[in-house]
Amino acid sequence: MSDTLSLDLVVTRKPHRCWGCVETFPKGTKMWRHVGKSDGVLFSTYACEPCQAEMNEACRRDPYLADEGFDQGCVRDWRAEAERQVGGGT
């Protein structure tokens, strides 16, 4: 279980990789910075605005996700799964 200490929309001062889609965004990009604590260890992640919106919606649908957190690349994986379902792939 992880605890959120802060979630702020920031303008980055250096390139950062989005936790949700795993894309790298250049400095000067607006991103959500999440600072949290898990098992006594502090961590910080960044998410682009579209990924943060998708993660917020996922938490709204399933509050359990907010307690457990998200795996890196989760939004990328959700989008790929949606593409497979629409395209009829496996």
PDB file of N, CA and C in Angstrom:
ATOM      1  N   MET A   1       0.840  -1.168   0.000  1.00  0.00           N
ATOM      2  CA  MET A   1       0.000   0.000   0.000  1.00  0.00           C
ATOM      3  C   MET A   1       0.886   1.231   0.000  1.00  0.00           C
ATOM      4  N   SER A   2       0.494   2.230  -0.791  1.00  0.00           N
ATOM      5  CA  SER A   2       1.270   3.461  -0.831  1.00  0.00           C
ATOM      6  C   SER A   2       0.401   4.626  -0.378  1.00  0.00           C
ATOM      7  N   ASP A   3       1.061   5.628   0.164  1.00  0.00           N
ATOM      8  CA  ASP A   3       0.380   6.835   0.605  1.00  0.00           C
ATOM      9  C   ASP A   3       0.824   7.993  -0.262  1.00  0.00           C
ATOM     10  N   THR A   4      -0.123   8.776  -0.737  1.00  0.00           N
ATOM     11  CA  THR A   4       0.196   9.975  -1.502  1.00  0.00           C
ATOM     12  C   THR A   4       0.493  11.113  -0.538  1.00  0.00           C
ATOM     13  N   LEU A   5       1.642  11.732  -0.714  1.00  0.00           N
ATOM     14  CA  LEU A   5       2.016  12.882   0.095  1.00  0.00           C
ATOM     15  C   LEU A   5       1.685  14.181  -0.635  1.00  0.00           C
ATOM     16  N   SER A   6       1.854  14.181  -1.965  1.00  0.00           N
ATOM     17  CA  SER A   6       1.464  15.350  -2.758  1.00  0.00           C
ATOM     18  C   SER A   6       1.241  14.933  -4.207  1.00  0.00           C
ATOM     19  N   LEU A   7       0.394  15.678  -4.883  1.00  0.00           N
ATOM     20  CA  LEU A   7       0.124  15.496  -6.302  1.00  0.00           C
ATOM     21  C   LEU A   7      -0.056  16.890  -6.869  1.00  0.00           C
ATOM     22  N   ASP A   8       0.930  17.345  -7.640  1.00  0.00           N
ATOM     23  CA  ASP A   8       0.948  18.720  -8.124  1.00  0.00           C
ATOM     24  C   ASP A   8       1.200  18.767  -9.619  1.00  0.00           C
ATOM     25  N   LEU A   9       0.540  19.698 -10.287  1.00  0.00           N
ATOM     26  CA  LEU A   9       0.814  19.971 -11.695  1.00  0.00           C
ATOM     27  C   LEU A   9       2.005  20.919 -11.737  1.00  0.00           C
ATOM     28  N   VAL A  10       3.085  20.486 -12.383  1.00  0.00           N
ATOM     29  CA  VAL A  10       4.318  21.267 -12.428  1.00  0.00           C
ATOM     30  C   VAL A  10       4.762  21.446 -13.879  1.00  0.00           C
ATOM     31  N   VAL A  11       5.634  22.414 -14.089  1.00  0.00           N
ATOM     32  CA  VAL A  11       6.327  22.563 -15.368  1.00  0.00           C
ATOM     33  C   VAL A  11       7.723  22.013 -15.141  1.00  0.00           C
ATOM     34  N   THR A  12       8.078  20.987 -15.897  1.00  0.00           N
ATOM     35  CA  THR A  12       9.337  20.283 -15.644  1.00  0.00           C
ATOM     36  C   THR A  12      10.549  21.143 -15.999  1.00  0.00           C
ATOM     37  N   ARG A  13      11.624  20.935 -15.248  1.00  0.00           N
ATOM     38  CA  ARG A  13      12.879  21.648 -15.504  1.00  0.00           C
ATOM     39  C   ARG A  13      13.881  20.775 -16.249  1.00  0.00           C
ATOM     40  N   LYS A  14      13.525  19.529 -16.443  1.00  0.00           N
ATOM     41  CA  LYS A  14      14.360  18.605 -17.216  1.00  0.00           C
ATOM     42  C   LYS A  14      13.437  17.550 -17.814  1.00  0.00           C
ATOM     43  N   PRO A  15      13.902  16.738 -18.756  1.00  0.00           N
ATOM     44  CA  PRO A  15      13.050  15.688 -19.321  1.00  0.00           C
ATOM     45  C   PRO A  15      12.644  14.674 -18.249  1.00  0.00           C
ATOM     46  N   HIS A  16      11.406  14.203 -18.362  1.00  0.00           N
ATOM     47  CA  HIS A  16      10.911  13.167 -17.446  1.00  0.00           C
ATOM     48  C   HIS A  16      10.121  12.134 -18.229  1.00  0.00           C
ATOM     49  N   ARG A  17      10.148  10.904 -17.741  1.00  0.00           N
ATOM     50  CA  ARG A  17       9.372   9.820 -18.336  1.00  0.00           C
ATOM     51  C   ARG A  17       8.044   9.731 -17.602  1.00  0.00           C
ATOM     52  N   CYS A  18       6.973   9.645 -18.375  1.00  0.00           N
ATOM     53  CA  CYS A  18       5.632   9.505 -17.803  1.00  0.00           C
ATOM     54  C   CYS A  18       5.472   8.098 -17.242  1.00  0.00           C
ATOM     55  N   TRP A  19       4.941   8.014 -16.023  1.00  0.00           N
ATOM     56  CA  TRP A  19       4.720   6.723 -15.378  1.00  0.00           C
ATOM     57  C   TRP A  19       3.668   5.910 -16.131  1.00  0.00           C
ATOM     58  N   GLY A  20       2.666   6.592 -16.687  1.00  0.00           N
ATOM     59  CA  GLY A  20       1.553   5.893 -17.316  1.00  0.00           C
ATOM     60  C   GLY A  20       1.844   5.347 -18.700  1.00  0.00           C
ATOM     61  N   CYS A  21       2.423   6.192 -19.579  1.00  0.00           N
ATOM     62  CA  CYS A  21       2.640   5.770 -20.969  1.00  0.00           C
ATOM     63  C   CYS A  21       4.102   5.476 -21.281  1.00  0.00           C
ATOM     64  N   VAL A  22       4.997   5.791 -20.353  1.00  0.00           N
ATOM     65  CA  VAL A  22       6.426   5.532 -20.450  1.00  0.00           C
ATOM     66  C   VAL A  22       7.080   6.317 -21.594  1.00  0.00           C
ATOM     67  N   GLU A  23       6.428   7.386 -22.034  1.00  0.00           N
ATOM     68  CA  GLU A  23       7.021   8.288 -23.027  1.00  0.00           C
ATOM     69  C   GLU A  23       7.868   9.314 -22.281  1.00  0.00           C
ATOM     70  N   THR A  24       8.930   9.795 -22.922  1.00  0.00           N
ATOM     71  CA  THR A  24       9.769  10.837 -22.336  1.00  0.00           C
ATOM     72  C   THR A  24       9.311  12.190 -22.861  1.00  0.00           C
ATOM     73  N   PHE A  25       9.113  13.121 -21.939  1.00  0.00           N
ATOM     74  CA  PHE A  25       8.648  14.463 -22.279  1.00  0.00           C
ATOM     75  C   PHE A  25       9.771  15.463 -22.021  1.00  0.00           C
ATOM     76  N   PRO A  26       9.933  16.469 -22.898  1.00  0.00           N
ATOM     77  CA  PRO A  26      11.024  17.428 -22.744  1.00  0.00           C
ATOM     78  C   PRO A  26      10.800  18.393 -21.586  1.00  0.00           C
ATOM     79  N   LYS A  27      11.867  19.062 -21.181  1.00  0.00           N
ATOM     80  CA  LYS A  27      11.724  20.073 -20.142  1.00  0.00           C
ATOM     81  C   LYS A  27      10.737  21.133 -20.616  1.00  0.00           C
ATOM     82  N   GLY A  28      10.066  21.762 -19.665  1.00  0.00           N
ATOM     83  CA  GLY A  28       9.072  22.768 -19.988  1.00  0.00           C
ATOM     84  C   GLY A  28       7.676  22.204 -20.211  1.00  0.00           C
ATOM     85  N   THR A  29       7.503  20.883 -20.018  1.00  0.00           N
ATOM     86  CA  THR A  29       6.210  20.232 -20.198  1.00  0.00           C
ATOM     87  C   THR A  29       5.433  20.258 -18.886  1.00  0.00           C
ATOM     88  N   LYS A  30       4.136  20.516 -18.962  1.00  0.00           N
ATOM     89  CA  LYS A  30       3.297  20.394 -17.769  1.00  0.00           C
ATOM     90  C   LYS A  30       3.065  18.917 -17.505  1.00  0.00           C
ATOM     91  N   MET A  31       3.415  18.481 -16.293  1.00  0.00           N
ATOM     92  CA  MET A  31       3.222  17.091 -15.894  1.00  0.00           C
ATOM     93  C   MET A  31       2.771  17.058 -14.446  1.00  0.00           C
ATOM     94  N   TRP A  32       2.117  15.978 -14.083  1.00  0.00           N
ATOM     95  CA  TRP A  32       1.706  15.773 -12.697  1.00  0.00           C
ATOM     96  C   TRP A  32       2.829  15.068 -11.961  1.00  0.00           C
ATOM     97  N   ARG A  33       3.282  15.654 -10.841  1.00  0.00           N
ATOM     98  CA  ARG A  33       4.318  15.054 -10.018  1.00  0.00           C
ATOM     99  C   ARG A  33       3.656  14.451  -8.778  1.00  0.00           C
ATOM    100  N   HIS A  34       3.853  13.156  -8.605  1.00  0.00           N
ATOM    101  CA  HIS A  34       3.283  12.423  -7.471  1.00  0.00           C
ATOM    102  C   HIS A  34       4.417  12.067  -6.531  1.00  0.00           C
ATOM    103  N   VAL A  35       4.313  12.508  -5.297  1.00  0.00           N
ATOM    104  CA  VAL A  35       5.268  12.130  -4.265  1.00  0.00           C
ATOM    105  C   VAL A  35       4.511  11.256  -3.279  1.00  0.00           C
ATOM    106  N   GLY A  36       5.082  10.117  -2.977  1.00  0.00           N
ATOM    107  CA  GLY A  36       4.408   9.189  -2.082  1.00  0.00           C
ATOM    108  C   GLY A  36       5.376   8.412  -1.215  1.00  0.00           C
ATOM    109  N   LYS A  37       4.805   7.527  -0.431  1.00  0.00           N
ATOM    110  CA  LYS A  37       5.589   6.675   0.459  1.00  0.00           C
ATOM    111  C   LYS A  37       5.000   5.273   0.390  1.00  0.00           C
ATOM    112  N   SER A  38       5.870   4.307   0.216  1.00  0.00           N
ATOM    113  CA  SER A  38       5.449   2.911   0.172  1.00  0.00           C
ATOM    114  C   SER A  38       6.419   2.096   1.008  1.00  0.00           C
ATOM    115  N   ASP A  39       5.892   1.370   1.977  1.00  0.00           N
ATOM    116  CA  ASP A  39       6.727   0.567   2.875  1.00  0.00           C
ATOM    117  C   ASP A  39       7.862   1.390   3.485  1.00  0.00           C
ATOM    118  N   GLY A  40       7.555   2.653   3.822  1.00  0.00           N
ATOM    119  CA  GLY A  40       8.535   3.516   4.465  1.00  0.00           C
ATOM    120  C   GLY A  40       9.524   4.183   3.533  1.00  0.00           C
ATOM    121  N   VAL A  41       9.403   3.945   2.221  1.00  0.00           N
ATOM    122  CA  VAL A  41      10.331   4.505   1.243  1.00  0.00           C
ATOM    123  C   VAL A  41       9.626   5.604   0.448  1.00  0.00           C
ATOM    124  N   LEU A  42      10.255   6.783   0.383  1.00  0.00           N
ATOM    125  CA  LEU A  42       9.700   7.883  -0.413  1.00  0.00           C
ATOM    126  C   LEU A  42       9.962   7.643  -1.890  1.00  0.00           C
ATOM    127  N   PHE A  43       9.027   8.070  -2.741  1.00  0.00           N
ATOM    128  CA  PHE A  43       9.223   7.973  -4.184  1.00  0.00           C
ATOM    129  C   PHE A  43       8.559   9.165  -4.856  1.00  0.00           C
ATOM    130  N   SER A  44       8.981   9.423  -6.085  1.00  0.00           N
ATOM    131  CA  SER A  44       8.409  10.505  -6.882  1.00  0.00           C
ATOM    132  C   SER A  44       8.258  10.013  -8.311  1.00  0.00           C
ATOM    133  N   THR A  45       7.094  10.249  -8.898  1.00  0.00           N
ATOM    134  CA  THR A  45       6.859   9.880 -10.288  1.00  0.00           C
ATOM    135  C   THR A  45       6.224  11.063 -11.006  1.00  0.00           C
ATOM    136  N   TYR A  46       6.266  11.031 -12.330  1.00  0.00           N
ATOM    137  CA  TYR A  46       5.655  12.065 -13.160  1.00  0.00           C
ATOM    138  C   TYR A  46       4.685  11.403 -14.123  1.00  0.00           C
ATOM    139  N   ALA A  47       3.589  12.106 -14.413  1.00  0.00           N
ATOM    140  CA  ALA A  47       2.610  11.602 -15.379  1.00  0.00           C
ATOM    141  C   ALA A  47       2.183  12.751 -16.281  1.00  0.00           C
ATOM    142  N   CYS A  48       2.070  12.479 -17.586  1.00  0.00           N
ATOM    143  CA  CYS A  48       1.556  13.497 -18.507  1.00  0.00           C
ATOM    144  C   CYS A  48       0.074  13.715 -18.191  1.00  0.00           C
ATOM    145  N   GLU A  49      -0.468  14.823 -18.658  1.00  0.00           N
ATOM    146  CA  GLU A  49      -1.846  15.154 -18.311  1.00  0.00           C
ATOM    147  C   GLU A  49      -2.860  14.105 -18.778  1.00  0.00           C
ATOM    148  N   PRO A  50      -2.762  13.591 -20.022  1.00  0.00           N
ATOM    149  CA  PRO A  50      -3.733  12.560 -20.429  1.00  0.00           C
ATOM    150  C   PRO A  50      -3.647  11.281 -19.584  1.00  0.00           C
ATOM    151  N   CYS A  51      -2.441  10.866 -19.237  1.00  0.00           N
ATOM    152  CA  CYS A  51      -2.299   9.649 -18.420  1.00  0.00           C
ATOM    153  C   CYS A  51      -2.835   9.878 -17.018  1.00  0.00           C
ATOM    154  N   GLN A  52      -2.568  11.053 -16.433  1.00  0.00           N
ATOM    155  CA  GLN A  52      -3.087  11.324 -15.090  1.00  0.00           C
ATOM    156  C   GLN A  52      -4.605  11.293 -15.106  1.00  0.00           C
ATOM    157  N   ALA A  53      -5.217  11.835 -16.169  1.00  0.00           N
ATOM    158  CA  ALA A  53      -6.679  11.817 -16.281  1.00  0.00           C
ATOM    159  C   ALA A  53      -7.195  10.376 -16.350  1.00  0.00           C
ATOM    160  N   GLU A  54      -6.493   9.510 -17.100  1.00  0.00           N
ATOM    161  CA  GLU A  54      -6.920   8.103 -17.195  1.00  0.00           C
ATOM    162  C   GLU A  54      -6.754   7.376 -15.864  1.00  0.00           C
ATOM    163  N   MET A  55      -5.673   7.667 -15.150  1.00  0.00           N
ATOM    164  CA  MET A  55      -5.473   7.023 -13.849  1.00  0.00           C
ATOM    165  C   MET A  55      -6.509   7.518 -12.841  1.00  0.00           C
ATOM    166  N   ASN A  56      -6.837   8.813 -12.901  1.00  0.00           N
ATOM    167  CA  ASN A  56      -7.884   9.341 -12.015  1.00  0.00           C
ATOM    168  C   ASN A  56      -9.221   8.654 -12.291  1.00  0.00           C
ATOM    169  N   GLU A  57      -9.550   8.471 -13.564  1.00  0.00           N
ATOM    170  CA  GLU A  57     -10.802   7.814 -13.934  1.00  0.00           C
ATOM    171  C   GLU A  57     -10.801   6.359 -13.472  1.00  0.00           C
ATOM    172  N   ALA A  58      -9.665   5.687 -13.600  1.00  0.00           N
ATOM    173  CA  ALA A  58      -9.564   4.297 -13.145  1.00  0.00           C
ATOM    174  C   ALA A  58      -9.809   4.218 -11.633  1.00  0.00           C
ATOM    175  N   CYS A  59      -9.282   5.183 -10.883  1.00  0.00           N
ATOM    176  CA  CYS A  59      -9.494   5.209  -9.425  1.00  0.00           C
ATOM    177  C   CYS A  59     -10.950   5.507  -9.090  1.00  0.00           C
ATOM    178  N   ARG A  60     -11.575   6.329  -9.907  1.00  0.00           N
ATOM    179  CA  ARG A  60     -12.984   6.636  -9.680  1.00  0.00           C
ATOM    180  C   ARG A  60     -13.824   5.374  -9.850  1.00  0.00           C
ATOM    181  N   ARG A  61     -13.493   4.576 -10.866  1.00  0.00           N
ATOM    182  CA  ARG A  61     -14.235   3.341 -11.125  1.00  0.00           C
ATOM    183  C   ARG A  61     -13.910   2.255 -10.099  1.00  0.00           C
ATOM    184  N   ASP A  62     -12.661   2.224  -9.621  1.00  0.00           N
ATOM    185  CA  ASP A  62     -12.214   1.184  -8.701  1.00  0.00           C
ATOM    186  C   ASP A  62     -11.316   1.801  -7.630  1.00  0.00           C
ATOM    187  N   PRO A  63     -11.888   2.261  -6.520  1.00  0.00           N
ATOM    188  CA  PRO A  63     -11.101   2.933  -5.470  1.00  0.00           C
ATOM    189  C   PRO A  63      -9.944   2.088  -4.925  1.00  0.00           C
ATOM    190  N   TYR A  64     -10.015   0.771  -5.074  1.00  0.00           N
ATOM    191  CA  TYR A  64      -8.936  -0.112  -4.626  1.00  0.00           C
ATOM    192  C   TYR A  64      -7.613   0.253  -5.306  1.00  0.00           C
ATOM    193  N   LEU A  65      -7.684   0.704  -6.573  1.00  0.00           N
ATOM    194  CA  LEU A  65      -6.476   1.063  -7.306  1.00  0.00           C
ATOM    195  C   LEU A  65      -5.725   2.205  -6.647  1.00  0.00           C
ATOM    196  N   ALA A  66      -6.452   3.141  -6.066  1.00  0.00           N
ATOM    197  CA  ALA A  66      -5.812   4.286  -5.411  1.00  0.00           C
ATOM    198  C   ALA A  66      -4.942   3.818  -4.246  1.00  0.00           C
ATOM    199  N   ASP A  67      -5.362   2.775  -3.550  1.00  0.00           N
ATOM    200  CA  ASP A  67      -4.582   2.255  -2.428  1.00  0.00           C
ATOM    201  C   ASP A  67      -3.362   1.463  -2.891  1.00  0.00           C
ATOM    202  N   GLU A  68      -3.532   0.717  -3.948  1.00  0.00           N
ATOM    203  CA  GLU A  68      -2.465  -0.172  -4.414  1.00  0.00           C
ATOM    204  C   GLU A  68      -1.479   0.502  -5.353  1.00  0.00           C
ATOM    205  N   GLY A  69      -1.867   1.584  -5.994  1.00  0.00           N
ATOM    206  CA  GLY A  69      -0.984   2.255  -6.938  1.00  0.00           C
ATOM    207  C   GLY A  69      -1.039   1.622  -8.314  1.00  0.00           C
ATOM    208  N   PHE A  70      -0.258   2.169  -9.216  1.00  0.00           N
ATOM    209  CA  PHE A  70      -0.261   1.738 -10.607  1.00  0.00           C
ATOM    210  C   PHE A  70       1.120   1.244 -11.009  1.00  0.00           C
ATOM    211  N   ASP A  71       1.148   0.201 -11.816  1.00  0.00           N
ATOM    212  CA  ASP A  71       2.417  -0.276 -12.368  1.00  0.00           C
ATOM    213  C   ASP A  71       2.890   0.698 -13.434  1.00  0.00           C
ATOM    214  N   GLN A  72       4.201   0.812 -13.583  1.00  0.00           N
ATOM    215  CA  GLN A  72       4.735   1.670 -14.635  1.00  0.00           C
ATOM    216  C   GLN A  72       4.283   1.135 -15.987  1.00  0.00           C
ATOM    217  N   GLY A  73       3.807   2.031 -16.832  1.00  0.00           N
ATOM    218  CA  GLY A  73       3.318   1.648 -18.156  1.00  0.00           C
ATOM    219  C   GLY A  73       1.873   1.212 -18.173  1.00  0.00           C
ATOM    220  N   CYS A  74       1.154   1.415 -17.061  1.00  0.00           N
ATOM    221  CA  CYS A  74      -0.224   0.930 -16.961  1.00  0.00           C
ATOM    222  C   CYS A  74      -1.134   1.524 -18.036  1.00  0.00           C
ATOM    223  N   VAL A  75      -1.020   2.800 -18.304  1.00  0.00           N
ATOM    224  CA  VAL A  75      -1.897   3.429 -19.299  1.00  0.00           C
ATOM    225  C   VAL A  75      -1.559   2.915 -20.693  1.00  0.00           C
ATOM    226  N   ARG A  76      -0.279   2.759 -20.967  1.00  0.00           N
ATOM    227  CA  ARG A  76       0.143   2.179 -22.247  1.00  0.00           C
ATOM    228  C   ARG A  76      -0.474   0.796 -22.425  1.00  0.00           C
ATOM    229  N   ASP A  77      -0.448  -0.001 -21.354  1.00  0.00           N
ATOM    230  CA  ASP A  77      -1.001  -1.351 -21.416  1.00  0.00           C
ATOM    231  C   ASP A  77      -2.519  -1.324 -21.600  1.00  0.00           C
ATOM    232  N   TRP A  78      -3.199  -0.413 -20.898  1.00  0.00           N
ATOM    233  CA  TRP A  78      -4.659  -0.302 -21.050  1.00  0.00           C
ATOM    234  C   TRP A  78      -5.017   0.067 -22.484  1.00  0.00           C
ATOM    235  N   ARG A  79      -4.260   1.006 -23.058  1.00  0.00           N
ATOM    236  CA  ARG A  79      -4.536   1.438 -24.440  1.00  0.00           C
ATOM    237  C   ARG A  79      -4.292   0.303 -25.424  1.00  0.00           C
ATOM    238  N   ALA A  80      -3.233  -0.462 -25.211  1.00  0.00           N
ATOM    239  CA  ALA A  80      -2.934  -1.596 -26.090  1.00  0.00           C
ATOM    240  C   ALA A  80      -4.040  -2.645 -26.006  1.00  0.00           C
ATOM    241  N   GLU A  81      -4.525  -2.902 -24.798  1.00  0.00           N
ATOM    242  CA  GLU A  81      -5.601  -3.874 -24.621  1.00  0.00           C
ATOM    243  C   GLU A  81      -6.883  -3.396 -25.309  1.00  0.00           C
ATOM    244  N   ALA A  82      -7.174  -2.115 -25.196  1.00  0.00           N
ATOM    245  CA  ALA A  82      -8.361  -1.561 -25.859  1.00  0.00           C
ATOM    246  C   ALA A  82      -8.236  -1.687 -27.370  1.00  0.00           C
ATOM    247  N   GLU A  83      -7.058  -1.462 -27.894  1.00  0.00           N
ATOM    248  CA  GLU A  83      -6.811  -1.604 -29.340  1.00  0.00           C
ATOM    249  C   GLU A  83      -7.036  -3.053 -29.784  1.00  0.00           C
ATOM    250  N   ARG A  84      -6.527  -4.001 -28.976  1.00  0.00           N
ATOM    251  CA  ARG A  84      -6.722  -5.422 -29.312  1.00  0.00           C
ATOM    252  C   ARG A  84      -8.196  -5.793 -29.324  1.00  0.00           C
ATOM    253  N   GLN A  85      -8.936  -5.277 -28.342  1.00  0.00           N
ATOM    254  CA  GLN A  85     -10.364  -5.593 -28.254  1.00  0.00           C
ATOM    255  C   GLN A  85     -11.143  -5.006 -29.436  1.00  0.00           C
ATOM    256  N   VAL A  86     -10.808  -3.785 -29.804  1.00  0.00           N
ATOM    257  CA  VAL A  86     -11.483  -3.131 -30.930  1.00  0.00           C
ATOM    258  C   VAL A  86     -11.117  -3.811 -32.233  1.00  0.00           C
ATOM    259  N   GLY A  87      -9.823  -4.155 -32.364  1.00  0.00           N
ATOM    260  CA  GLY A  87      -9.341  -4.771 -33.597  1.00  0.00           C
ATOM    261  C   GLY A  87      -9.605  -6.264 -33.668  1.00  0.00           C
ATOM    262  N   GLY A  88     -10.077  -6.858 -32.607  1.00  0.00           N
ATOM    263  CA  GLY A  88     -10.355  -8.281 -32.606  1.00  0.00           C
ATOM    264  C   GLY A  88      -9.120  -9.151 -32.467  1.00  0.00           C
ATOM    265  N   GLY A  89      -7.973  -8.514 -32.145  1.00  0.00           N
ATOM    266  CA  GLY A  89      -6.732  -9.270 -31.976  1.00  0.00           C
ATOM    267  C   GLY A  89      -6.706  -9.992 -30.648  1.00  0.00           C
ATOM    268  N   THR A  90      -5.655 -10.794 -30.478  1.00  0.00           N
ATOM    269  CA  THR A  90      -5.501 -11.532 -29.217  1.00  0.00           C
ATOM    270  C   THR A  90      -4.383 -10.988 -28.393  1.00  0.00           C
TER     271      THR A  90
END
